[in-house]
PDB file of N, CA and C in Angstrom:
ATOM      1  N   UNK A   1       0.995  -1.129  -0.123  1.00  0.00           N
ATOM      2  CA  UNK A   1       0.038  -0.088  -0.154  1.00  0.00           C
ATOM      3  C   UNK A   1       0.831   1.153  -0.024  1.00  0.00           C
ATOM      4  N   UNK A   2       0.630   2.138  -0.979  1.00  0.00           N
ATOM      5  CA  UNK A   2       1.370   3.413  -0.898  1.00  0.00           C
ATOM      6  C   UNK A   2       0.731   4.471  -0.103  1.00  0.00           C
ATOM      7  N   UNK A   3       1.516   5.548  -0.006  1.00  0.00           N
ATOM      8  CA  UNK A   3       1.086   6.732   0.678  1.00  0.00           C
ATOM      9  C   UNK A   3      -0.295   7.196   0.221  1.00  0.00           C
ATOM     10  N   UNK A   4      -0.425   7.412  -1.199  1.00  0.00           N
ATOM     11  CA  UNK A   4      -1.748   7.855  -1.716  1.00  0.00           C
ATOM     12  C   UNK A   4      -2.814   7.009  -1.218  1.00  0.00           C
ATOM     13  N   UNK A   5      -2.694   5.567  -1.214  1.00  0.00           N
ATOM     14  CA  UNK A   5      -3.725   4.718  -0.918  1.00  0.00           C
ATOM     15  C   UNK A   5      -4.126   4.937   0.745  1.00  0.00           C
ATOM     16  N   UNK A   6      -3.030   5.027   1.411  1.00  0.00           N
ATOM     17  CA  UNK A   6      -3.195   5.336   2.704  1.00  0.00           C
ATOM     18  C   UNK A   6      -3.950   6.745   3.160  1.00  0.00           C
ATOM     19  N   UNK A   7      -3.736   7.604   2.426  1.00  0.00           N
ATOM     20  CA  UNK A   7      -4.226   8.986   2.471  1.00  0.00           C
ATOM     21  C   UNK A   7      -5.943   8.889   1.930  1.00  0.00           C
ATOM     22  N   UNK A   8      -6.119   8.013   1.004  1.00  0.00           N
ATOM     23  CA  UNK A   8      -7.379   7.916   0.585  1.00  0.00           C
ATOM     24  C   UNK A   8      -8.367   7.105   1.343  1.00  0.00           C
ATOM     25  N   UNK A   9      -7.718   6.256   2.226  1.00  0.00           N
ATOM     26  CA  UNK A   9      -8.607   5.562   3.364  1.00  0.00           C
ATOM     27  C   UNK A   9      -8.886   6.509   4.382  1.00  0.00           C
ATOM     28  N   UNK A  10      -7.862   7.461   4.910  1.00  0.00           N
ATOM     29  CA  UNK A  10      -8.017   8.521   5.814  1.00  0.00           C
ATOM     30  C   UNK A  10      -9.265   9.358   5.364  1.00  0.00           C
ATOM     31  N   UNK A  11      -9.087   9.802   4.009  1.00  0.00           N
ATOM     32  CA  UNK A  11     -10.013  10.685   3.482  1.00  0.00           C
ATOM     33  C   UNK A  11     -11.578  10.009   3.491  1.00  0.00           C
ATOM     34  N   UNK A  12     -11.411   8.788   3.051  1.00  0.00           N
ATOM     35  CA  UNK A  12     -13.038   8.147   3.100  1.00  0.00           C
ATOM     36  C   UNK A  12     -13.568   8.230   4.371  1.00  0.00           C
ATOM     37  N   UNK A  13     -12.737   7.907   5.711  1.00  0.00           N
ATOM     38  CA  UNK A  13     -13.101   8.105   6.937  1.00  0.00           C
ATOM     39  C   UNK A  13     -13.477   9.438   7.466  1.00  0.00           C
ATOM     40  N   UNK A  14     -13.123  10.528   6.598  1.00  0.00           N
ATOM     41  CA  UNK A  14     -13.174  11.955   7.245  1.00  0.00           C
ATOM     42  C   UNK A  14     -12.225  12.088   8.198  1.00  0.00           C
ATOM     43  N   UNK A  15     -10.897  11.559   8.151  1.00  0.00           N
ATOM     44  CA  UNK A  15     -10.005  11.537   9.073  1.00  0.00           C
ATOM     45  C   UNK A  15      -8.838  12.619   8.853  1.00  0.00           C
ATOM     46  N   UNK A  16      -9.040  13.333   7.559  1.00  0.00           N
ATOM     47  CA  UNK A  16      -7.981  14.312   7.209  1.00  0.00           C
ATOM     48  C   UNK A  16      -8.533  15.582   7.621  1.00  0.00           C
ATOM     49  N   UNK A  17      -7.992  16.301   8.539  1.00  0.00           N
ATOM     50  CA  UNK A  17      -8.581  17.566   9.013  1.00  0.00           C
ATOM     51  C   UNK A  17      -7.633  18.750   8.584  1.00  0.00           C
ATOM     52  N   UNK A  18      -8.320  19.786   8.030  1.00  0.00           N
ATOM     53  CA  UNK A  18      -7.641  20.978   7.729  1.00  0.00           C
ATOM     54  C   UNK A  18      -7.772  22.078   8.607  1.00  0.00           C
ATOM     55  N   UNK A  19      -6.748  22.733   9.085  1.00  0.00           N
ATOM     56  CA  UNK A  19      -6.952  24.034   9.811  1.00  0.00           C
ATOM     57  C   UNK A  19      -5.836  24.395  10.496  1.00  0.00           C
ATOM     58  N   UNK A  20      -5.609  24.860  11.725  1.00  0.00           N
ATOM     59  CA  UNK A  20      -4.275  25.161  12.341  1.00  0.00           C
ATOM     60  C   UNK A  20      -4.254  24.406  13.541  1.00  0.00           C
ATOM     61  N   UNK A  21      -3.238  23.385  13.578  1.00  0.00           N
ATOM     62  CA  UNK A  21      -2.985  22.465  14.651  1.00  0.00           C
ATOM     63  C   UNK A  21      -1.688  22.588  15.254  1.00  0.00           C
ATOM     64  N   UNK A  22      -1.609  22.617  16.557  1.00  0.00           N
ATOM     65  CA  UNK A  22      -0.531  22.603  17.354  1.00  0.00           C
ATOM     66  C   UNK A  22      -0.189  21.084  17.915  1.00  0.00           C
ATOM     67  N   UNK A  23       0.934  20.481  17.217  1.00  0.00           N
ATOM     68  CA  UNK A  23       1.063  19.028  17.494  1.00  0.00           C
ATOM     69  C   UNK A  23       1.850  18.873  18.817  1.00  0.00           C
ATOM     70  N   UNK A  24       1.767  17.658  19.417  1.00  0.00           N
ATOM     71  CA  UNK A  24       2.354  17.412  20.630  1.00  0.00           C
ATOM     72  C   UNK A  24       3.815  17.853  20.796  1.00  0.00           C
ATOM     73  N   UNK A  25       4.438  17.892  19.661  1.00  0.00           N
ATOM     74  CA  UNK A  25       5.911  18.250  19.450  1.00  0.00           C
ATOM     75  C   UNK A  25       6.134  19.703  19.659  1.00  0.00           C
ATOM     76  N   UNK A  26       5.024  20.420  19.538  1.00  0.00           N
ATOM     77  CA  UNK A  26       5.102  21.918  19.640  1.00  0.00           C
ATOM     78  C   UNK A  26       5.050  22.593  18.193  1.00  0.00           C
ATOM     79  N   UNK A  27       5.151  21.663  17.139  1.00  0.00           N
ATOM     80  CA  UNK A  27       5.186  22.234  15.795  1.00  0.00           C
ATOM     81  C   UNK A  27       3.803  22.621  15.353  1.00  0.00           C
ATOM     82  N   UNK A  28       3.533  23.244  14.261  1.00  0.00           N
ATOM     83  CA  UNK A  28       2.380  23.667  13.867  1.00  0.00           C
ATOM     84  C   UNK A  28       2.201  22.940  12.566  1.00  0.00           C
ATOM     85  N   UNK A  29       0.874  22.657  12.260  1.00  0.00           N
ATOM     86  CA  UNK A  29       0.553  21.936  10.945  1.00  0.00           C
ATOM     87  C   UNK A  29      -0.787  22.332  10.306  1.00  0.00           C
ATOM     88  N   UNK A  30      -1.110  22.552   9.071  1.00  0.00           N
ATOM     89  CA  UNK A  30      -2.220  23.064   8.520  1.00  0.00           C
ATOM     90  C   UNK A  30      -3.031  21.702   8.320  1.00  0.00           C
ATOM     91  N   UNK A  31      -2.660  20.580   8.481  1.00  0.00           N
ATOM     92  CA  UNK A  31      -3.287  19.302   8.280  1.00  0.00           C
ATOM     93  C   UNK A  31      -3.132  18.232   9.429  1.00  0.00           C
ATOM     94  N   UNK A  32      -3.996  17.618   9.942  1.00  0.00           N
ATOM     95  CA  UNK A  32      -3.936  16.696  10.916  1.00  0.00           C
ATOM     96  C   UNK A  32      -4.718  15.392  10.674  1.00  0.00           C
ATOM     97  N   UNK A  33      -4.043  14.234  10.807  1.00  0.00           N
ATOM     98  CA  UNK A  33      -4.889  12.967  10.508  1.00  0.00           C
ATOM     99  C   UNK A  33      -5.352  12.389  11.803  1.00  0.00           C
ATOM    100  N   UNK A  34      -6.623  12.438  11.949  1.00  0.00           N
ATOM    101  CA  UNK A  34      -7.358  11.975  13.037  1.00  0.00           C
ATOM    102  C   UNK A  34      -7.507  10.297  12.983  1.00  0.00           C
ATOM    103  N   UNK A  35      -6.541   9.707  13.634  1.00  0.00           N
ATOM    104  CA  UNK A  35      -6.653   8.235  13.447  1.00  0.00           C
ATOM    105  C   UNK A  35      -7.803   7.652  14.091  1.00  0.00           C
ATOM    106  N   UNK A  36      -8.279   8.350  14.880  1.00  0.00           N
ATOM    107  CA  UNK A  36      -9.598   7.725  15.779  1.00  0.00           C
ATOM    108  C   UNK A  36     -10.694   7.457  14.789  1.00  0.00           C
ATOM    109  N   UNK A  37     -10.771   8.461  13.749  1.00  0.00           N
ATOM    110  CA  UNK A  37     -12.028   8.385  12.682  1.00  0.00           C
ATOM    111  C   UNK A  37     -11.600   7.069  11.972  1.00  0.00           C
ATOM    112  N   UNK A  38     -10.524   6.741  11.674  1.00  0.00           N
ATOM    113  CA  UNK A  38     -10.180   5.573  10.826  1.00  0.00           C
ATOM    114  C   UNK A  38     -10.543   4.236  11.594  1.00  0.00           C
ATOM    115  N   UNK A  39     -10.074   4.287  12.972  1.00  0.00           N
ATOM    116  CA  UNK A  39     -10.088   3.105  13.748  1.00  0.00           C
ATOM    117  C   UNK A  39     -11.465   2.846  14.167  1.00  0.00           C
ATOM    118  N   UNK A  40     -12.559   3.648  13.744  1.00  0.00           N
ATOM    119  CA  UNK A  40     -13.881   3.403  14.071  1.00  0.00           C
ATOM    120  C   UNK A  40     -14.569   2.284  13.087  1.00  0.00           C
ATOM    121  N   UNK A  41     -13.856   2.029  11.890  1.00  0.00           N
ATOM    122  CA  UNK A  41     -14.130   1.154  10.894  1.00  0.00           C
ATOM    123  C   UNK A  41     -13.304   0.084  10.707  1.00  0.00           C
ATOM    124  N   UNK A  42     -13.725  -1.176  11.202  1.00  0.00           N
ATOM    125  CA  UNK A  42     -13.020  -2.289  11.202  1.00  0.00           C
ATOM    126  C   UNK A  42     -12.331  -2.690   9.884  1.00  0.00           C
ATOM    127  N   UNK A  43     -13.168  -2.476   8.790  1.00  0.00           N
ATOM    128  CA  UNK A  43     -12.671  -2.721   7.457  1.00  0.00           C
ATOM    129  C   UNK A  43     -11.373  -2.034   6.944  1.00  0.00           C
ATOM    130  N   UNK A  44     -11.396  -0.561   7.243  1.00  0.00           N
ATOM    131  CA  UNK A  44     -10.566   0.316   7.096  1.00  0.00           C
ATOM    132  C   UNK A  44      -9.165  -0.004   7.883  1.00  0.00           C
ATOM    133  N   UNK A  45      -9.336  -0.285   9.148  1.00  0.00           N
ATOM    134  CA  UNK A  45      -8.323  -0.842  10.040  1.00  0.00           C
ATOM    135  C   UNK A  45      -7.695  -1.904   9.577  1.00  0.00           C
ATOM    136  N   UNK A  46      -8.291  -2.928   9.248  1.00  0.00           N
ATOM    137  CA  UNK A  46      -7.917  -4.050   8.797  1.00  0.00           C
ATOM    138  C   UNK A  46      -6.981  -3.909   7.542  1.00  0.00           C
ATOM    139  N   UNK A  47      -7.403  -3.065   6.510  1.00  0.00           N
ATOM    140  CA  UNK A  47      -6.609  -2.805   5.376  1.00  0.00           C
ATOM    141  C   UNK A  47      -5.147  -2.241   5.718  1.00  0.00           C
ATOM    142  N   UNK A  48      -5.334  -1.137   6.535  1.00  0.00           N
ATOM    143  CA  UNK A  48      -4.086  -0.540   6.881  1.00  0.00           C
ATOM    144  C   UNK A  48      -3.093  -1.339   7.766  1.00  0.00           C
ATOM    145  N   UNK A  49      -3.573  -2.148   8.632  1.00  0.00           N
ATOM    146  CA  UNK A  49      -2.797  -2.863   9.517  1.00  0.00           C
ATOM    147  C   UNK A  49      -2.371  -4.026   8.825  1.00  0.00           C
ATOM    148  N   UNK A  50      -2.966  -4.662   7.779  1.00  0.00           N
ATOM    149  CA  UNK A  50      -2.392  -5.612   6.996  1.00  0.00           C
ATOM    150  C   UNK A  50      -1.346  -5.306   6.106  1.00  0.00           C
ATOM    151  N   UNK A  51      -1.428  -4.178   5.650  1.00  0.00           N
ATOM    152  CA  UNK A  51      -0.228  -3.373   4.988  1.00  0.00           C
ATOM    153  C   UNK A  51       1.027  -3.319   5.741  1.00  0.00           C
ATOM    154  N   UNK A  52       0.706  -2.600   6.985  1.00  0.00           N
ATOM    155  CA  UNK A  52       1.738  -2.325   7.922  1.00  0.00           C
ATOM    156  C   UNK A  52       2.358  -3.711   8.225  1.00  0.00           C
ATOM    157  N   UNK A  53       1.745  -4.814   8.659  1.00  0.00           N
ATOM    158  CA  UNK A  53       2.100  -6.108   9.050  1.00  0.00           C
ATOM    159  C   UNK A  53       3.049  -6.601   7.837  1.00  0.00           C
ATOM    160  N   UNK A  54       2.677  -6.464   6.457  1.00  0.00           N
ATOM    161  CA  UNK A  54       3.497  -6.800   5.406  1.00  0.00           C
ATOM    162  C   UNK A  54       4.752  -6.248   5.301  1.00  0.00           C
ATOM    163  N   UNK A  55       4.830  -4.760   5.656  1.00  0.00           N
ATOM    164  CA  UNK A  55       5.884  -3.975   5.692  1.00  0.00           C
ATOM    165  C   UNK A  55       6.848  -4.485   6.803  1.00  0.00           C
ATOM    166  N   UNK A  56       6.268  -4.653   7.935  1.00  0.00           N
ATOM    167  CA  UNK A  56       7.104  -5.163   9.198  1.00  0.00           C
ATOM    168  C   UNK A  56       7.760  -6.614   8.752  1.00  0.00           C
ATOM    169  N   UNK A  57       6.883  -7.458   8.186  1.00  0.00           N
ATOM    170  CA  UNK A  57       7.580  -8.833   7.751  1.00  0.00           C
ATOM    171  C   UNK A  57       8.762  -8.564   6.915  1.00  0.00           C
ATOM    172  N   UNK A  58       8.602  -7.728   5.925  1.00  0.00           N
ATOM    173  CA  UNK A  58       9.446  -7.515   4.907  1.00  0.00           C
ATOM    174  C   UNK A  58      10.808  -6.780   5.416  1.00  0.00           C
ATOM    175  N   UNK A  59      10.570  -5.878   6.388  1.00  0.00           N
ATOM    176  CA  UNK A  59      11.645  -5.031   6.943  1.00  0.00           C
ATOM    177  C   UNK A  59      12.379  -5.502   8.301  1.00  0.00           C
ATOM    178  N   UNK A  60      11.705  -6.455   8.952  1.00  0.00           N
ATOM    179  CA  UNK A  60      12.260  -6.826  10.151  1.00  0.00           C
ATOM    180  C   UNK A  60      12.887  -8.258   9.996  1.00  0.00           C
ATOM    181  N   UNK A  61      14.245  -8.369  10.221  1.00  0.00           N
ATOM    182  CA  UNK A  61      14.968  -9.701   9.989  1.00  0.00           C
ATOM    183  C   UNK A  61      14.647 -10.497  11.412  1.00  0.00           C
ATOM    184  N   UNK A  62      14.504 -11.872  11.200  1.00  0.00           N
ATOM    185  CA  UNK A  62      14.313 -12.599  12.423  1.00  0.00           C
ATOM    186  C   UNK A  62      12.931 -12.817  12.735  1.00  0.00           C
ATOM    187  N   UNK A  63      12.720 -13.395  14.010  1.00  0.00           N
ATOM    188  CA  UNK A  63      11.364 -13.562  14.464  1.00  0.00           C
ATOM    189  C   UNK A  63      10.784 -12.388  15.123  1.00  0.00           C
ATOM    190  N   UNK A  64       9.545 -12.277  15.034  1.00  0.00           N
ATOM    191  CA  UNK A  64       8.801 -11.102  15.696  1.00  0.00           C
ATOM    192  C   UNK A  64       7.935 -11.852  16.714  1.00  0.00           C
ATOM    193  N   UNK A  65       8.324 -11.259  18.137  1.00  0.00           N
ATOM    194  CA  UNK A  65       7.632 -12.051  19.238  1.00  0.00           C
ATOM    195  C   UNK A  65       6.262 -11.327  19.683  1.00  0.00           C
ATOM    196  N   UNK A  66       6.075 -10.080  19.547  1.00  0.00           N
ATOM    197  CA  UNK A  66       5.148  -9.220  19.910  1.00  0.00           C
ATOM    198  C   UNK A  66       4.989  -8.060  19.140  1.00  0.00           C
ATOM    199  N   UNK A  67       3.817  -7.541  19.113  1.00  0.00           N
ATOM    200  CA  UNK A  67       3.400  -6.096  18.762  1.00  0.00           C
ATOM    201  C   UNK A  67       3.199  -5.175  19.970  1.00  0.00           C
ATOM    202  N   UNK A  68       3.731  -4.164  20.248  1.00  0.00           N
ATOM    203  CA  UNK A  68       3.800  -3.266  21.453  1.00  0.00           C
ATOM    204  C   UNK A  68       3.189  -1.945  20.965  1.00  0.00           C
ATOM    205  N   UNK A  69       2.109  -1.534  21.551  1.00  0.00           N
ATOM    206  CA  UNK A  69       1.474  -0.306  21.293  1.00  0.00           C
ATOM    207  C   UNK A  69       1.158   0.497  22.483  1.00  0.00           C
ATOM    208  N   UNK A  70       1.086   1.818  22.547  1.00  0.00           N
ATOM    209  CA  UNK A  70       0.682   2.653  23.586  1.00  0.00           C
ATOM    210  C   UNK A  70      -0.812   2.324  23.916  1.00  0.00           C
ATOM    211  N   UNK A  71      -1.046   2.234  25.225  1.00  0.00           N
ATOM    212  CA  UNK A  71      -2.464   2.202  25.671  1.00  0.00           C
ATOM    213  C   UNK A  71      -3.443   3.260  25.068  1.00  0.00           C
ATOM    214  N   UNK A  72      -2.890   4.450  25.126  1.00  0.00           N
ATOM    215  CA  UNK A  72      -3.529   5.546  24.463  1.00  0.00           C
ATOM    216  C   UNK A  72      -3.505   5.691  23.161  1.00  0.00           C
ATOM    217  N   UNK A  73      -4.454   5.470  22.273  1.00  0.00           N
ATOM    218  CA  UNK A  73      -4.338   5.644  20.842  1.00  0.00           C
ATOM    219  C   UNK A  73      -3.687   4.429  20.000  1.00  0.00           C
ATOM    220  N   UNK A  74      -3.187   3.422  20.651  1.00  0.00           N
ATOM    221  CA  UNK A  74      -2.454   2.462  20.018  1.00  0.00           C
ATOM    222  C   UNK A  74      -3.036   1.066  20.171  1.00  0.00           C
ATOM    223  N   UNK A  75      -4.123   0.729  21.007  1.00  0.00           N
ATOM    224  CA  UNK A  75      -4.563  -0.619  21.291  1.00  0.00           C
ATOM    225  C   UNK A  75      -4.981  -1.036  19.989  1.00  0.00           C
ATOM    226  N   UNK A  76      -5.918  -0.468  19.093  1.00  0.00           N
ATOM    227  CA  UNK A  76      -6.451  -0.972  18.073  1.00  0.00           C
ATOM    228  C   UNK A  76      -5.487  -1.341  16.924  1.00  0.00           C
ATOM    229  N   UNK A  77      -4.649  -0.516  16.719  1.00  0.00           N
ATOM    230  CA  UNK A  77      -3.657  -0.811  15.600  1.00  0.00           C
ATOM    231  C   UNK A  77      -2.756  -1.899  16.022  1.00  0.00           C
ATOM    232  N   UNK A  78      -2.171  -1.915  17.290  1.00  0.00           N
ATOM    233  CA  UNK A  78      -1.316  -3.014  17.668  1.00  0.00           C
ATOM    234  C   UNK A  78      -2.054  -4.196  17.641  1.00  0.00           C
ATOM    235  N   UNK A  79      -3.255  -4.401  18.070  1.00  0.00           N
ATOM    236  CA  UNK A  79      -4.071  -5.527  17.971  1.00  0.00           C
ATOM    237  C   UNK A  79      -4.136  -6.182  16.780  1.00  0.00           C
ATOM    238  N   UNK A  80      -4.751  -5.158  15.761  1.00  0.00           N
ATOM    239  CA  UNK A  80      -4.985  -5.636  14.441  1.00  0.00           C
ATOM    240  C   UNK A  80      -3.715  -5.952  13.592  1.00  0.00           C
ATOM    241  N   UNK A  81      -2.546  -5.287  13.973  1.00  0.00           N
ATOM    242  CA  UNK A  81      -1.285  -5.580  13.259  1.00  0.00           C
ATOM    243  C   UNK A  81      -0.789  -6.866  13.755  1.00  0.00           C
ATOM    244  N   UNK A  82      -0.840  -7.193  15.076  1.00  0.00           N
ATOM    245  CA  UNK A  82      -0.450  -8.391  15.536  1.00  0.00           C
ATOM    246  C   UNK A  82      -1.359  -9.683  15.072  1.00  0.00           C
ATOM    247  N   UNK A  83      -2.465  -9.352  14.864  1.00  0.00           N
ATOM    248  CA  UNK A  83      -3.518 -10.580  14.299  1.00  0.00           C
ATOM    249  C   UNK A  83      -2.879 -10.870  12.871  1.00  0.00           C
ATOM    250  N   UNK A  84      -2.349  -9.977  11.973  1.00  0.00           N
ATOM    251  CA  UNK A  84      -1.906 -10.352  10.789  1.00  0.00           C
ATOM    252  C   UNK A  84      -0.528 -10.766  10.816  1.00  0.00           C
ATOM    253  N   UNK A  85       0.317 -10.517  11.969  1.00  0.00           N
ATOM    254  CA  UNK A  85       1.610 -11.105  12.036  1.00  0.00           C
ATOM    255  C   UNK A  85       1.371 -12.589  12.870  1.00  0.00           C
ATOM    256  N   UNK A  86       0.382 -12.770  13.455  1.00  0.00           N
ATOM    257  CA  UNK A  86       0.200 -14.056  14.267  1.00  0.00           C
ATOM    258  C   UNK A  86       1.028 -14.106  15.452  1.00  0.00           C
ATOM    259  N   UNK A  87       1.177 -12.901  16.139  1.00  0.00           N
ATOM    260  CA  UNK A  87       1.882 -12.774  17.388  1.00  0.00           C
ATOM    261  C   UNK A  87       1.048 -12.126  18.300  1.00  0.00           C
ATOM    262  N   UNK A  88       1.334 -12.253  19.512  1.00  0.00           N
ATOM    263  CA  UNK A  88       0.506 -11.359  20.795  1.00  0.00           C
ATOM    264  C   UNK A  88       0.723  -9.797  20.565  1.00  0.00           C
ATOM    265  N   UNK A  89      -0.382  -9.205  21.056  1.00  0.00           N
ATOM    266  CA  UNK A  89      -0.296  -7.689  21.073  1.00  0.00           C
ATOM    267  C   UNK A  89      -0.319  -7.318  22.631  1.00  0.00           C
ATOM    268  N   UNK A  90       0.610  -6.514  22.943  1.00  0.00           N
ATOM    269  CA  UNK A  90       0.606  -5.861  24.215  1.00  0.00           C
ATOM    270  C   UNK A  90       0.822  -4.588  24.365  1.00  0.00           C
ATOM    271  N   UNK A  91       0.605  -3.815  25.465  1.00  0.00           N
ATOM    272  CA  UNK A  91       0.721  -2.332  25.493  1.00  0.00           C
ATOM    273  C   UNK A  91       1.578  -1.730  26.370  1.00  0.00           C
ATOM    274  N   UNK A  92       1.803  -0.561  26.359  1.00  0.00           N
ATOM    275  CA  UNK A  92       2.665   0.195  27.447  1.00  0.00           C
ATOM    276  C   UNK A  92       1.732   1.416  27.873  1.00  0.00           C
ATOM    277  N   UNK A  93       1.936   1.681  29.040  1.00  0.00           N
ATOM    278  CA  UNK A  93       1.289   2.928  29.528  1.00  0.00           C
ATOM    279  C   UNK A  93       2.331   3.894  29.915  1.00  0.00           C
ATOM    280  N   UNK A  94       2.022   5.314  29.922  1.00  0.00           N
ATOM    281  CA  UNK A  94       2.818   6.285  30.440  1.00  0.00           C
ATOM    282  C   UNK A  94       2.891   6.467  31.802  1.00  0.00           C
ATOM    283  N   UNK A  95       4.041   6.432  32.436  1.00  0.00           N
ATOM    284  CA  UNK A  95       4.160   6.566  33.925  1.00  0.00           C
ATOM    285  C   UNK A  95       5.203   7.455  34.010  1.00  0.00           C
ATOM    286  N   UNK A  96       5.161   8.552  34.695  1.00  0.00           N
ATOM    287  CA  UNK A  96       6.106   9.515  34.955  1.00  0.00           C
ATOM    288  C   UNK A  96       6.983   9.930  33.579  1.00  0.00           C
ATOM    289  N   UNK A  97       6.134  10.212  32.584  1.00  0.00           N
ATOM    290  CA  UNK A  97       6.708  10.688  31.254  1.00  0.00           C
ATOM    291  C   UNK A  97       7.282   9.616  30.464  1.00  0.00           C
ATOM    292  N   UNK A  98       7.367   8.299  30.809  1.00  0.00           N
ATOM    293  CA  UNK A  98       8.078   7.288  30.305  1.00  0.00           C
ATOM    294  C   UNK A  98       6.844   6.116  29.865  1.00  0.00           C
ATOM    295  N   UNK A  99       7.066   5.367  28.810  1.00  0.00           N
ATOM    296  CA  UNK A  99       6.266   4.191  28.628  1.00  0.00           C
ATOM    297  C   UNK A  99       6.771   3.205  29.272  1.00  0.00           C
ATOM    298  N   UNK A 100       5.850   2.462  30.018  1.00  0.00           N
ATOM    299  CA  UNK A 100       6.316   1.162  30.737  1.00  0.00           C
ATOM    300  C   UNK A 100       5.173  -0.009  30.673  1.00  0.00           C
ATOM    301  N   UNK A 101       5.830  -1.262  30.610  1.00  0.00           N
ATOM    302  CA  UNK A 101       4.909  -2.247  30.521  1.00  0.00           C
ATOM    303  C   UNK A 101       4.360  -2.473  32.055  1.00  0.00           C
ATOM    304  N   UNK A 102       3.067  -2.491  32.246  1.00  0.00           N
ATOM    305  CA  UNK A 102       2.327  -2.418  33.613  1.00  0.00           C
ATOM    306  C   UNK A 102       1.759  -3.645  33.830  1.00  0.00           C
ATOM    307  N   UNK A 103       1.178  -4.200  32.648  1.00  0.00           N
ATOM    308  CA  UNK A 103       0.368  -5.362  32.908  1.00  0.00           C
ATOM    309  C   UNK A 103       0.904  -6.808  32.249  1.00  0.00           C
ATOM    310  N   UNK A 104       2.202  -6.538  31.873  1.00  0.00           N
ATOM    311  CA  UNK A 104       2.655  -7.517  30.910  1.00  0.00           C
ATOM    312  C   UNK A 104       4.300  -7.680  31.395  1.00  0.00           C
ATOM    313  N   UNK A 105       4.836  -8.847  31.059  1.00  0.00           N
ATOM    314  CA  UNK A 105       6.301  -9.037  31.190  1.00  0.00           C
ATOM    315  C   UNK A 105       6.832  -9.687  29.814  1.00  0.00           C
ATOM    316  N   UNK A 106       7.962  -9.213  29.422  1.00  0.00           N
ATOM    317  CA  UNK A 106       8.601  -9.738  28.530  1.00  0.00           C
ATOM    318  C   UNK A 106       9.839 -10.428  28.968  1.00  0.00           C
ATOM    319  N   UNK A 107      10.013 -11.802  28.695  1.00  0.00           N
ATOM    320  CA  UNK A 107      11.106 -12.556  29.153  1.00  0.00           C
ATOM    321  C   UNK A 107      12.403 -12.182  28.359  1.00  0.00           C
ATOM    322  N   UNK A 108      13.442 -12.124  29.166  1.00  0.00           N
ATOM    323  CA  UNK A 108      14.767 -11.580  28.589  1.00  0.00           C
ATOM    324  C   UNK A 108      15.087 -12.792  27.524  1.00  0.00           C
ATOM    325  N   UNK A 109      15.867 -12.242  26.373  1.00  0.00           N
ATOM    326  CA  UNK A 109      16.298 -13.260  25.597  1.00  0.00           C
ATOM    327  C   UNK A 109      15.471 -13.316  24.346  1.00  0.00           C
TER     328      UNK A 109
END
């Protein structure tokens, strides 16, 4: 899936917002991609996450053990991507400004 196809999915979902946005980085942007509007649609989410899983498979050498996503805003894509990779999905939560595993453990090695 190329960039235009991804943007097409975001446009179909009404997730390409135009205006004046201050990003969490402090930078400003005239466009914002509201991923939550895409993740409301299982079919669109499946297409995006399947394509992401294919890119991960092609670009990551060796075995993939988990897909890890942030608890806020990342549970749905982490789960759906993990489903296409055939591995478990887990999440991290922000604690003291850092992401930490709170409900899961990953064995060393």
